[in-house]
Amino acid sequence: MKYLNIEEVSEYLGLRKSSLYSRVEAGEIPHYRVGRLLRFKLEDVEKWMDEHRQENVAVGEARRSVANGGPTAHIDTIVKKAIAETKGLKYSPPQRETRPSKGLRKEGKDGAL
């Protein structure tokens, strides 16, 4: 059984070493730590990649989903929220317009409307 070092896994997966280090620190990718050295089993790395496989969606199906207000229906809100968070602001969605009341109602003698 052969163990790979960070450079070998980086080359094998086509990822930068910094990306691998961040995944290791987040506990996302299976690894072994021997002192300060990181080692990876090839089978574990391949299994990890298989677990992150994404299925393709047919183009026509995706187009219909978007046209029907699918997952991107609220993209403006998502973008505005991300910009506000980046700037350190708190995002609050736009408030609905309220109509002024048609007039004040008279209170009864007991204070009820």
Protein backbone atom coordinates (compact mmCIF):
# COMPACT_ATOMS: atom_id res chain seq x y z
CA MET A 1 0.00 0.00 0.00
CA LYS A 2 1.50 3.29 -1.11
CA TYR A 3 0.96 6.62 0.59
CA LEU A 4 1.10 9.82 -1.43
CA ASN A 5 2.49 13.16 -0.28
CA ILE A 6 0.80 16.52 -0.82
CA GLU A 7 2.65 17.22 -4.09
CA GLU A 8 1.65 13.87 -5.58
CA VAL A 9 -2.02 14.28 -4.60
CA SER A 10 -1.98 17.85 -5.91
CA GLU A 11 -0.69 16.67 -9.29
CA TYR A 12 -3.01 13.63 -9.35
CA LEU A 13 -6.15 15.71 -8.67
CA GLY A 14 -5.06 18.82 -10.55
CA LEU A 15 -5.57 20.97 -7.45
CA ARG A 16 -3.24 23.55 -5.95
CA LYS A 17 -1.43 22.51 -2.80
CA SER A 18 -3.02 25.44 -0.95
CA SER A 19 -6.48 24.08 -1.84
CA LEU A 20 -5.52 20.66 -0.50
CA TYR A 21 -4.13 22.16 2.70
CA SER A 22 -7.37 24.05 3.30
CA ARG A 23 -9.41 20.88 2.71
CA VAL A 24 -7.17 18.99 5.13
CA GLU A 25 -7.60 21.67 7.81
CA ALA A 26 -11.39 21.62 7.28
CA GLY A 27 -11.37 17.83 7.63
CA GLU A 28 -12.90 17.37 4.17
CA ILE A 29 -10.34 15.07 2.59
CA PRO A 30 -9.13 11.84 4.26
CA HIS A 31 -5.49 12.04 5.28
CA TYR A 32 -2.88 10.82 7.73
CA ARG A 33 -0.63 13.11 9.74
CA VAL A 34 2.78 11.79 10.72
CA GLY A 35 4.26 14.56 12.81
CA ARG A 36 4.10 17.53 10.47
CA LEU A 37 3.91 15.39 7.32
CA LEU A 38 0.66 14.71 5.48
CA ARG A 39 0.09 11.41 3.72
CA PHE A 40 -2.85 10.20 1.63
CA LYS A 41 -3.95 6.73 0.52
CA LEU A 42 -4.72 6.65 -3.19
CA GLU A 43 -7.89 4.57 -2.58
CA ASP A 44 -9.15 7.11 -0.02
CA VAL A 45 -8.52 10.02 -2.38
CA GLU A 46 -10.33 8.25 -5.24
CA LYS A 47 -13.27 7.39 -2.97
CA TRP A 48 -13.42 11.02 -1.79
CA MET A 49 -13.52 12.20 -5.41
CA ASP A 50 -16.32 9.73 -6.21
CA GLU A 51 -18.35 11.11 -3.29
CA HIS A 52 -18.06 14.62 -4.80
CA ARG A 53 -19.29 13.60 -8.24
CA GLN A 54 -21.95 15.91 -9.70
CA GLU A 55 -24.61 14.65 -12.07
CA ASN A 56 -25.15 16.60 -15.28
CA VAL A 57 -28.52 18.20 -15.92
CA ALA A 58 -29.82 18.15 -19.47
CA VAL A 59 -29.55 21.61 -21.09
CA GLY A 60 -33.23 21.74 -22.07
CA GLU A 61 -34.25 20.74 -18.56
CA ALA A 62 -32.06 23.41 -16.99
CA ARG A 63 -33.40 26.03 -19.40
CA ARG A 64 -37.00 25.16 -18.46
CA SER A 65 -36.16 25.28 -14.78
CA VAL A 66 -34.71 28.79 -15.11
CA ALA A 67 -37.60 29.98 -17.27
CA ASN A 68 -40.07 28.71 -14.67
CA GLY A 69 -38.36 30.61 -11.88
CA GLY A 70 -36.28 27.65 -10.76
CA PRO A 71 -33.21 27.82 -8.58
CA THR A 72 -32.16 31.22 -9.94
CA ALA A 73 -35.51 32.92 -9.32
CA HIS A 74 -34.13 34.96 -6.44
CA ILE A 75 -30.63 35.58 -7.79
CA ASP A 76 -30.88 39.36 -7.31
CA THR A 77 -31.56 38.90 -3.61
CA ILE A 78 -28.67 36.45 -3.29
CA VAL A 79 -26.27 38.81 -5.07
CA LYS A 80 -27.35 41.84 -3.01
CA LYS A 81 -26.95 39.87 0.21
CA ALA A 82 -23.47 38.66 -0.81
CA ILE A 83 -22.37 42.21 -1.67
CA ALA A 84 -23.72 43.54 1.63
CA GLU A 85 -21.92 40.81 3.59
CA THR A 86 -18.68 41.52 1.75
CA LYS A 87 -18.96 45.21 2.60
CA GLY A 88 -19.72 44.31 6.20
CA LEU A 89 -23.27 45.61 6.00
CA LYS A 90 -26.39 43.87 7.15
CA TYR A 91 -28.70 43.10 4.25
CA SER A 92 -32.37 43.74 4.80
CA PRO A 93 -34.79 42.90 2.02
CA PRO A 94 -36.84 45.72 0.53
CA GLN A 95 -39.91 46.58 2.56
CA ARG A 96 -43.37 46.40 1.05
CA GLU A 97 -45.04 49.71 0.41
CA THR A 98 -47.77 50.46 2.87
CA ARG A 99 -50.77 52.52 1.99
CA PRO A 100 -51.81 55.31 4.30
CA SER A 101 -55.00 54.62 6.17
CA LYS A 102 -58.14 56.25 4.82
CA GLY A 103 -58.57 58.29 7.93
CA LEU A 104 -58.45 58.03 11.64
CA ARG A 105 -61.09 56.01 13.29
CA LYS A 106 -62.81 57.40 16.28
CA GLU A 107 -62.27 55.85 19.64
CA GLY A 108 -65.15 54.91 21.79
CA LYS A 109 -65.49 56.25 25.30
CA ASP A 110 -63.74 53.16 26.67
CA GLY A 111 -60.73 53.67 24.33
CA ALA A 112 -61.63 50.83 21.97
CA LEU A 113 -61.61 51.41 18.21
